[in-house]
Amino acid sequence: MICTGQVYLPTIGFVMAIPELKKHAIFNLILYNIMYIVPLVGVFVLTFFGVTSEKMAFVTKKYTGTVKLLTAILFLALAGLLFFLH
């Protein structure tokens, strides 16, 4: 929590100070925590079932291009959504 706490705690304080943002604050907080914790749990489960760091590194190198492309598409879609909603 030390690394993310530098952003997490001030953001919570900022959101709680603005009444308009309080409506969606709990939902966004839960969503953020889910998106932060799910990858950690996924890596833990894979490790628990015997997947080695070498195998994870191999898969990461094999699919780096695909992941970057999908991430770019996701961010463009989110940018478009923000543009059209505001």
PDB file of N, CA and C in Angstrom:
ATOM      1  N   MET A   1       0.825  -1.196   0.000  1.00  0.00           N
ATOM      2  CA  MET A   1       0.000   0.000   0.000  1.00  0.00           C
ATOM      3  C   MET A   1       0.862   1.249   0.000  1.00  0.00           C
ATOM      4  N   ILE A   2       2.124   1.129   0.299  1.00  0.00           N
ATOM      5  CA  ILE A   2       2.991   2.307   0.344  1.00  0.00           C
ATOM      6  C   ILE A   2       3.040   2.992  -1.021  1.00  0.00           C
ATOM      7  N   CYS A   3       3.200   2.231  -2.097  1.00  0.00           N
ATOM      8  CA  CYS A   3       3.307   2.829  -3.432  1.00  0.00           C
ATOM      9  C   CYS A   3       1.993   3.446  -3.880  1.00  0.00           C
ATOM     10  N   THR A   4       0.893   2.719  -3.737  1.00  0.00           N
ATOM     11  CA  THR A   4      -0.386   3.242  -4.211  1.00  0.00           C
ATOM     12  C   THR A   4      -1.024   4.194  -3.211  1.00  0.00           C
ATOM     13  N   GLY A   5      -0.627   4.120  -1.949  1.00  0.00           N
ATOM     14  CA  GLY A   5      -1.203   4.991  -0.933  1.00  0.00           C
ATOM     15  C   GLY A   5      -0.937   6.454  -1.181  1.00  0.00           C
ATOM     16  N   GLN A   6       0.167   6.760  -1.869  1.00  0.00           N
ATOM     17  CA  GLN A   6       0.499   8.149  -2.160  1.00  0.00           C
ATOM     18  C   GLN A   6      -0.530   8.799  -3.072  1.00  0.00           C
ATOM     19  N   VAL A   7      -1.203   8.013  -3.871  1.00  0.00           N
ATOM     20  CA  VAL A   7      -2.249   8.528  -4.746  1.00  0.00           C
ATOM     21  C   VAL A   7      -3.624   8.216  -4.169  1.00  0.00           C
ATOM     22  N   TYR A   8      -3.765   7.050  -3.591  1.00  0.00           N
ATOM     23  CA  TYR A   8      -5.043   6.531  -3.126  1.00  0.00           C
ATOM     24  C   TYR A   8      -5.667   7.398  -2.031  1.00  0.00           C
ATOM     25  N   LEU A   9      -4.926   7.670  -0.968  1.00  0.00           N
ATOM     26  CA  LEU A   9      -5.458   8.421   0.162  1.00  0.00           C
ATOM     27  C   LEU A   9      -5.825   9.865  -0.189  1.00  0.00           C
ATOM     28  N   PRO A  10      -4.955  10.631  -0.864  1.00  0.00           N
ATOM     29  CA  PRO A  10      -5.367  11.989  -1.247  1.00  0.00           C
ATOM     30  C   PRO A  10      -6.566  12.009  -2.202  1.00  0.00           C
ATOM     31  N   THR A  11      -6.657  11.010  -3.062  1.00  0.00           N
ATOM     32  CA  THR A  11      -7.794  10.941  -3.986  1.00  0.00           C
ATOM     33  C   THR A  11      -9.091  10.718  -3.218  1.00  0.00           C
ATOM     34  N   ILE A  12      -9.065   9.829  -2.238  1.00  0.00           N
ATOM     35  CA  ILE A  12     -10.259   9.604  -1.417  1.00  0.00           C
ATOM     36  C   ILE A  12     -10.649  10.891  -0.699  1.00  0.00           C
ATOM     37  N   GLY A  13      -9.667  11.593  -0.136  1.00  0.00           N
ATOM     38  CA  GLY A  13      -9.948  12.858   0.531  1.00  0.00           C
ATOM     39  C   GLY A  13     -10.539  13.893  -0.414  1.00  0.00           C
ATOM     40  N   PHE A  14     -10.017  13.959  -1.626  1.00  0.00           N
ATOM     41  CA  PHE A  14     -10.521  14.905  -2.631  1.00  0.00           C
ATOM     42  C   PHE A  14     -11.959  14.584  -3.016  1.00  0.00           C
ATOM     43  N   VAL A  15     -12.237  13.303  -3.259  1.00  0.00           N
ATOM     44  CA  VAL A  15     -13.581  12.886  -3.672  1.00  0.00           C
ATOM     45  C   VAL A  15     -14.588  13.135  -2.556  1.00  0.00           C
ATOM     46  N   MET A  16     -14.201  12.870  -1.335  1.00  0.00           N
ATOM     47  CA  MET A  16     -15.127  13.057  -0.222  1.00  0.00           C
ATOM     48  C   MET A  16     -15.436  14.534   0.039  1.00  0.00           C
ATOM     49  N   ALA A  17     -14.564  15.426  -0.407  1.00  0.00           N
ATOM     50  CA  ALA A  17     -14.763  16.858  -0.202  1.00  0.00           C
ATOM     51  C   ALA A  17     -15.702  17.484  -1.228  1.00  0.00           C
ATOM     52  N   ILE A  18     -16.011  16.772  -2.307  1.00  0.00           N
ATOM     53  CA  ILE A  18     -16.858  17.317  -3.365  1.00  0.00           C
ATOM     54  C   ILE A  18     -18.180  16.538  -3.390  1.00  0.00           C
ATOM     55  N   PRO A  19     -19.281  17.202  -3.029  1.00  0.00           N
ATOM     56  CA  PRO A  19     -20.569  16.499  -2.932  1.00  0.00           C
ATOM     57  C   PRO A  19     -21.005  15.812  -4.232  1.00  0.00           C
ATOM     58  N   GLU A  20     -20.709  16.422  -5.380  1.00  0.00           N
ATOM     59  CA  GLU A  20     -21.136  15.834  -6.651  1.00  0.00           C
ATOM     60  C   GLU A  20     -20.443  14.495  -6.918  1.00  0.00           C
ATOM     61  N   LEU A  21     -19.244  14.330  -6.397  1.00  0.00           N
ATOM     62  CA  LEU A  21     -18.488  13.101  -6.636  1.00  0.00           C
ATOM     63  C   LEU A  21     -18.839  11.990  -5.653  1.00  0.00           C
ATOM     64  N   LYS A  22     -19.459  12.338  -4.538  1.00  0.00           N
ATOM     65  CA  LYS A  22     -19.776  11.339  -3.516  1.00  0.00           C
ATOM     66  C   LYS A  22     -20.750  10.281  -4.025  1.00  0.00           C
ATOM     67  N   LYS A  23     -21.622  10.654  -4.978  1.00  0.00           N
ATOM     68  CA  LYS A  23     -22.630   9.714  -5.476  1.00  0.00           C
ATOM     69  C   LYS A  23     -22.007   8.442  -6.021  1.00  0.00           C
ATOM     70  N   HIS A  24     -20.942   8.586  -6.756  1.00  0.00           N
ATOM     71  CA  HIS A  24     -20.320   7.443  -7.411  1.00  0.00           C
ATOM     72  C   HIS A  24     -19.027   6.999  -6.717  1.00  0.00           C
ATOM     73  N   ALA A  25     -18.707   7.618  -5.594  1.00  0.00           N
ATOM     74  CA  ALA A  25     -17.423   7.351  -4.946  1.00  0.00           C
ATOM     75  C   ALA A  25     -17.285   5.908  -4.496  1.00  0.00           C
ATOM     76  N   ILE A  26     -18.312   5.357  -3.866  1.00  0.00           N
ATOM     77  CA  ILE A  26     -18.224   3.987  -3.365  1.00  0.00           C
ATOM     78  C   ILE A  26     -18.081   3.006  -4.520  1.00  0.00           C
ATOM     79  N   PHE A  27     -18.871   3.184  -5.575  1.00  0.00           N
ATOM     80  CA  PHE A  27     -18.775   2.300  -6.737  1.00  0.00           C
ATOM     81  C   PHE A  27     -17.373   2.356  -7.340  1.00  0.00           C
ATOM     82  N   ASN A  28     -16.852   3.560  -7.519  1.00  0.00           N
ATOM     83  CA  ASN A  28     -15.517   3.710  -8.112  1.00  0.00           C
ATOM     84  C   ASN A  28     -14.429   3.138  -7.206  1.00  0.00           C
ATOM     85  N   LEU A  29     -14.591   3.291  -5.907  1.00  0.00           N
ATOM     86  CA  LEU A  29     -13.632   2.734  -4.968  1.00  0.00           C
ATOM     87  C   LEU A  29     -13.620   1.208  -5.044  1.00  0.00           C
ATOM     88  N   ILE A  30     -14.797   0.607  -5.088  1.00  0.00           N
ATOM     89  CA  ILE A  30     -14.895  -0.853  -5.202  1.00  0.00           C
ATOM     90  C   ILE A  30     -14.320  -1.315  -6.539  1.00  0.00           C
ATOM     91  N   LEU A  31     -14.662  -0.636  -7.613  1.00  0.00           N
ATOM     92  CA  LEU A  31     -14.148  -0.992  -8.934  1.00  0.00           C
ATOM     93  C   LEU A  31     -12.624  -0.899  -8.979  1.00  0.00           C
ATOM     94  N   TYR A  32     -12.068   0.163  -8.423  1.00  0.00           N
ATOM     95  CA  TYR A  32     -10.618   0.321  -8.390  1.00  0.00           C
ATOM     96  C   TYR A  32      -9.967  -0.829  -7.630  1.00  0.00           C
ATOM     97  N   ASN A  33     -10.510  -1.149  -6.479  1.00  0.00           N
ATOM     98  CA  ASN A  33      -9.927  -2.217  -5.676  1.00  0.00           C
ATOM     99  C   ASN A  33     -10.025  -3.568  -6.365  1.00  0.00           C
ATOM    100  N   ILE A  34     -11.126  -3.822  -7.040  1.00  0.00           N
ATOM    101  CA  ILE A  34     -11.260  -5.080  -7.782  1.00  0.00           C
ATOM    102  C   ILE A  34     -10.214  -5.149  -8.886  1.00  0.00           C
ATOM    103  N   MET A  35     -10.073  -4.067  -9.634  1.00  0.00           N
ATOM    104  CA  MET A  35      -9.123  -4.062 -10.749  1.00  0.00           C
ATOM    105  C   MET A  35      -7.677  -4.109 -10.258  1.00  0.00           C
ATOM    106  N   TYR A  36      -7.425  -3.675  -9.043  1.00  0.00           N
ATOM    107  CA  TYR A  36      -6.082  -3.709  -8.490  1.00  0.00           C
ATOM    108  C   TYR A  36      -5.769  -5.085  -7.904  1.00  0.00           C
ATOM    109  N   ILE A  37      -6.747  -5.708  -7.276  1.00  0.00           N
ATOM    110  CA  ILE A  37      -6.526  -6.960  -6.560  1.00  0.00           C
ATOM    111  C   ILE A  37      -6.615  -8.181  -7.474  1.00  0.00           C
ATOM    112  N   VAL A  38      -7.481  -8.184  -8.473  1.00  0.00           N
ATOM    113  CA  VAL A  38      -7.677  -9.360  -9.329  1.00  0.00           C
ATOM    114  C   VAL A  38      -6.368  -9.843  -9.974  1.00  0.00           C
ATOM    115  N   PRO A  39      -5.547  -8.964 -10.567  1.00  0.00           N
ATOM    116  CA  PRO A  39      -4.279  -9.466 -11.121  1.00  0.00           C
ATOM    117  C   PRO A  39      -3.350 -10.058 -10.055  1.00  0.00           C
ATOM    118  N   LEU A  40      -3.346  -9.471  -8.865  1.00  0.00           N
ATOM    119  CA  LEU A  40      -2.514 -10.017  -7.793  1.00  0.00           C
ATOM    120  C   LEU A  40      -2.978 -11.410  -7.396  1.00  0.00           C
ATOM    121  N   VAL A  41      -4.279 -11.582  -7.281  1.00  0.00           N
ATOM    122  CA  VAL A  41      -4.837 -12.896  -6.935  1.00  0.00           C
ATOM    123  C   VAL A  41      -4.554 -13.886  -8.067  1.00  0.00           C
ATOM    124  N   GLY A  42      -4.665 -13.437  -9.313  1.00  0.00           N
ATOM    125  CA  GLY A  42      -4.388 -14.310 -10.451  1.00  0.00           C
ATOM    126  C   GLY A  42      -2.960 -14.832 -10.439  1.00  0.00           C
ATOM    127  N   VAL A  43      -1.999 -13.962 -10.187  1.00  0.00           N
ATOM    128  CA  VAL A  43      -0.596 -14.388 -10.126  1.00  0.00           C
ATOM    129  C   VAL A  43      -0.387 -15.338  -8.946  1.00  0.00           C
ATOM    130  N   PHE A  44      -1.001 -15.032  -7.821  1.00  0.00           N
ATOM    131  CA  PHE A  44      -0.884 -15.911  -6.658  1.00  0.00           C
ATOM    132  C   PHE A  44      -1.438 -17.301  -6.958  1.00  0.00           C
ATOM    133  N   VAL A  45      -2.604 -17.367  -7.587  1.00  0.00           N
ATOM    134  CA  VAL A  45      -3.222 -18.664  -7.910  1.00  0.00           C
ATOM    135  C   VAL A  45      -2.345 -19.445  -8.892  1.00  0.00           C
ATOM    136  N   LEU A  46      -1.842 -18.776  -9.921  1.00  0.00           N
ATOM    137  CA  LEU A  46      -0.963 -19.454 -10.871  1.00  0.00           C
ATOM    138  C   LEU A  46       0.281 -20.010 -10.177  1.00  0.00           C
ATOM    139  N   THR A  47       0.856 -19.210  -9.292  1.00  0.00           N
ATOM    140  CA  THR A  47       2.042 -19.656  -8.560  1.00  0.00           C
ATOM    141  C   THR A  47       1.708 -20.820  -7.637  1.00  0.00           C
ATOM    142  N   PHE A  48       0.559 -20.745  -6.989  1.00  0.00           N
ATOM    143  CA  PHE A  48       0.133 -21.804  -6.081  1.00  0.00           C
ATOM    144  C   PHE A  48       0.010 -23.141  -6.812  1.00  0.00           C
ATOM    145  N   PHE A  49      -0.467 -23.091  -8.054  1.00  0.00           N
ATOM    146  CA  PHE A  49      -0.652 -24.320  -8.824  1.00  0.00           C
ATOM    147  C   PHE A  49       0.596 -24.712  -9.621  1.00  0.00           C
ATOM    148  N   GLY A  50       1.744 -24.099  -9.321  1.00  0.00           N
ATOM    149  CA  GLY A  50       3.005 -24.579  -9.855  1.00  0.00           C
ATOM    150  C   GLY A  50       3.552 -23.884 -11.083  1.00  0.00           C
ATOM    151  N   VAL A  51       2.933 -22.812 -11.534  1.00  0.00           N
ATOM    152  CA  VAL A  51       3.480 -22.089 -12.680  1.00  0.00           C
ATOM    153  C   VAL A  51       4.725 -21.334 -12.208  1.00  0.00           C
ATOM    154  N   THR A  52       5.832 -21.540 -12.890  1.00  0.00           N
ATOM    155  CA  THR A  52       7.085 -20.915 -12.477  1.00  0.00           C
ATOM    156  C   THR A  52       7.224 -19.509 -13.056  1.00  0.00           C
ATOM    157  N   SER A  53       8.154 -18.755 -12.500  1.00  0.00           N
ATOM    158  CA  SER A  53       8.396 -17.405 -13.003  1.00  0.00           C
ATOM    159  C   SER A  53       8.964 -17.451 -14.423  1.00  0.00           C
ATOM    160  N   GLU A  54       9.698 -18.519 -14.749  1.00  0.00           N
ATOM    161  CA  GLU A  54      10.224 -18.661 -16.111  1.00  0.00           C
ATOM    162  C   GLU A  54       9.083 -18.832 -17.112  1.00  0.00           C
ATOM    163  N   LYS A  55       8.078 -19.624 -16.756  1.00  0.00           N
ATOM    164  CA  LYS A  55       6.920 -19.835 -17.637  1.00  0.00           C
ATOM    165  C   LYS A  55       6.134 -18.530 -17.791  1.00  0.00           C
ATOM    166  N   MET A  56       5.962 -17.789 -16.680  1.00  0.00           N
ATOM    167  CA  MET A  56       5.258 -16.507 -16.758  1.00  0.00           C
ATOM    168  C   MET A  56       6.026 -15.523 -17.639  1.00  0.00           C
ATOM    169  N   ALA A  57       7.352 -15.516 -17.522  1.00  0.00           N
ATOM    170  CA  ALA A  57       8.173 -14.631 -18.348  1.00  0.00           C
ATOM    171  C   ALA A  57       8.067 -15.006 -19.823  1.00  0.00           C
ATOM    172  N   PHE A  58       8.043 -16.304 -20.118  1.00  0.00           N
ATOM    173  CA  PHE A  58       7.908 -16.758 -21.502  1.00  0.00           C
ATOM    174  C   PHE A  58       6.572 -16.305 -22.098  1.00  0.00           C
ATOM    175  N   VAL A  59       5.497 -16.504 -21.358  1.00  0.00           N
ATOM    176  CA  VAL A  59       4.163 -16.103 -21.837  1.00  0.00           C
ATOM    177  C   VAL A  59       4.102 -14.582 -22.001  1.00  0.00           C
ATOM    178  N   THR A  60       4.697 -13.859 -21.054  1.00  0.00           N
ATOM    179  CA  THR A  60       4.713 -12.397 -21.137  1.00  0.00           C
ATOM    180  C   THR A  60       5.431 -11.926 -22.397  1.00  0.00           C
ATOM    181  N   LYS A  61       6.605 -12.506 -22.677  1.00  0.00           N
ATOM    182  CA  LYS A  61       7.356 -12.117 -23.876  1.00  0.00           C
ATOM    183  C   LYS A  61       6.607 -12.504 -25.145  1.00  0.00           C
ATOM    184  N   LYS A  62       5.959 -13.655 -25.134  1.00  0.00           N
ATOM    185  CA  LYS A  62       5.260 -14.141 -26.320  1.00  0.00           C
ATOM    186  C   LYS A  62       4.083 -13.238 -26.691  1.00  0.00           C
ATOM    187  N   TYR A  63       3.379 -12.720 -25.704  1.00  0.00           N
ATOM    188  CA  TYR A  63       2.154 -11.965 -25.963  1.00  0.00           C
ATOM    189  C   TYR A  63       2.274 -10.467 -25.691  1.00  0.00           C
ATOM    190  N   THR A  64       3.483  -9.935 -25.554  1.00  0.00           N
ATOM    191  CA  THR A  64       3.657  -8.509 -25.261  1.00  0.00           C
ATOM    192  C   THR A  64       3.018  -7.624 -26.332  1.00  0.00           C
ATOM    193  N   GLY A  65       3.238  -7.933 -27.582  1.00  0.00           N
ATOM    194  CA  GLY A  65       2.664  -7.127 -28.671  1.00  0.00           C
ATOM    195  C   GLY A  65       1.153  -7.130 -28.647  1.00  0.00           C
ATOM    196  N   THR A  66       0.565  -8.298 -28.448  1.00  0.00           N
ATOM    197  CA  THR A  66      -0.895  -8.412 -28.402  1.00  0.00           C
ATOM    198  C   THR A  66      -1.468  -7.628 -27.231  1.00  0.00           C
ATOM    199  N   VAL A  67      -0.835  -7.748 -26.078  1.00  0.00           N
ATOM    200  CA  VAL A  67      -1.311  -7.028 -24.892  1.00  0.00           C
ATOM    201  C   VAL A  67      -1.214  -5.522 -25.103  1.00  0.00           C
ATOM    202  N   LYS A  68      -0.127  -5.059 -25.685  1.00  0.00           N
ATOM    203  CA  LYS A  68       0.016  -3.620 -25.949  1.00  0.00           C
ATOM    204  C   LYS A  68      -1.040  -3.123 -26.932  1.00  0.00           C
ATOM    205  N   LEU A  69      -1.310  -3.909 -27.968  1.00  0.00           N
ATOM    206  CA  LEU A  69      -2.329  -3.525 -28.938  1.00  0.00           C
ATOM    207  C   LEU A  69      -3.708  -3.464 -28.286  1.00  0.00           C
ATOM    208  N   LEU A  70      -4.055  -4.481 -27.505  1.00  0.00           N
ATOM    209  CA  LEU A  70      -5.353  -4.494 -26.824  1.00  0.00           C
ATOM    210  C   LEU A  70      -5.471  -3.369 -25.801  1.00  0.00           C
ATOM    211  N   THR A  71      -4.377  -3.061 -25.122  1.00  0.00           N
ATOM    212  CA  THR A  71      -4.380  -1.952 -24.172  1.00  0.00           C
ATOM    213  C   THR A  71      -4.594  -0.623 -24.893  1.00  0.00           C
ATOM    214  N   ALA A  72      -3.954  -0.436 -26.032  1.00  0.00           N
ATOM    215  CA  ALA A  72      -4.137   0.794 -26.811  1.00  0.00           C
ATOM    216  C   ALA A  72      -5.585   0.927 -27.271  1.00  0.00           C
ATOM    217  N   ILE A  73      -6.167  -0.166 -27.728  1.00  0.00           N
ATOM    218  CA  ILE A  73      -7.572  -0.147 -28.160  1.00  0.00           C
ATOM    219  C   ILE A  73      -8.486   0.184 -26.989  1.00  0.00           C
ATOM    220  N   LEU A  74      -8.215  -0.413 -25.832  1.00  0.00           N
ATOM    221  CA  LEU A  74      -9.017  -0.129 -24.637  1.00  0.00           C
ATOM    222  C   LEU A  74      -8.941   1.344 -24.269  1.00  0.00           C
ATOM    223  N   PHE A  75      -7.717   1.911 -24.251  1.00  0.00           N
ATOM    224  CA  PHE A  75      -7.574   3.316 -23.890  1.00  0.00           C
ATOM    225  C   PHE A  75      -8.213   4.248 -24.918  1.00  0.00           C
ATOM    226  N   LEU A  76      -8.143   3.907 -26.184  1.00  0.00           N
ATOM    227  CA  LEU A  76      -8.822   4.713 -27.198  1.00  0.00           C
ATOM    228  C   LEU A  76     -10.333   4.652 -27.018  1.00  0.00           C
ATOM    229  N   ALA A  77     -10.842   3.477 -26.699  1.00  0.00           N
ATOM    230  CA  ALA A  77     -12.286   3.332 -26.455  1.00  0.00           C
ATOM    231  C   ALA A  77     -12.707   4.138 -25.228  1.00  0.00           C
ATOM    232  N   LEU A  78     -11.907   4.100 -24.175  1.00  0.00           N
ATOM    233  CA  LEU A  78     -12.224   4.886 -22.979  1.00  0.00           C
ATOM    234  C   LEU A  78     -12.149   6.385 -23.264  1.00  0.00           C
ATOM    235  N   ALA A  79     -11.166   6.797 -24.053  1.00  0.00           N
ATOM    236  CA  ALA A  79     -11.058   8.218 -24.434  1.00  0.00           C
ATOM    237  C   ALA A  79     -12.278   8.639 -25.243  1.00  0.00           C
ATOM    238  N   GLY A  80     -12.696   7.800 -26.173  1.00  0.00           N
ATOM    239  CA  GLY A  80     -13.902   8.094 -26.944  1.00  0.00           C
ATOM    240  C   GLY A  80     -15.135   8.175 -26.066  1.00  0.00           C
ATOM    241  N   LEU A  81     -15.238   7.269 -25.114  1.00  0.00           N
ATOM    242  CA  LEU A  81     -16.369   7.284 -24.186  1.00  0.00           C
ATOM    243  C   LEU A  81     -16.385   8.574 -23.380  1.00  0.00           C
ATOM    244  N   LEU A  82     -15.245   8.961 -22.866  1.00  0.00           N
ATOM    245  CA  LEU A  82     -15.169  10.224 -22.109  1.00  0.00           C
ATOM    246  C   LEU A  82     -15.501  11.425 -22.985  1.00  0.00           C
ATOM    247  N   PHE A  83     -15.028  11.394 -24.221  1.00  0.00           N
ATOM    248  CA  PHE A  83     -15.291  12.500 -25.145  1.00  0.00           C
ATOM    249  C   PHE A  83     -16.791  12.642 -25.427  1.00  0.00           C
ATOM    250  N   PHE A  84     -17.461  11.525 -25.665  1.00  0.00           N
ATOM    251  CA  PHE A  84     -18.881  11.581 -26.018  1.00  0.00           C
ATOM    252  C   PHE A  84     -19.794  11.762 -24.818  1.00  0.00           C
ATOM    253  N   LEU A  85     -19.339  11.407 -23.624  1.00  0.00           N
ATOM    254  CA  LEU A  85     -20.164  11.596 -22.435  1.00  0.00           C
ATOM    255  C   LEU A  85     -20.112  13.021 -21.905  1.00  0.00           C
ATOM    256  N   HIS A  86     -19.053  13.744 -22.259  1.00  0.00           N
ATOM    257  CA  HIS A  86     -18.939  15.116 -21.754  1.00  0.00           C
ATOM    258  C   HIS A  86     -19.077  16.034 -22.878  1.00  0.00           C
TER     259      HIS A  86
END
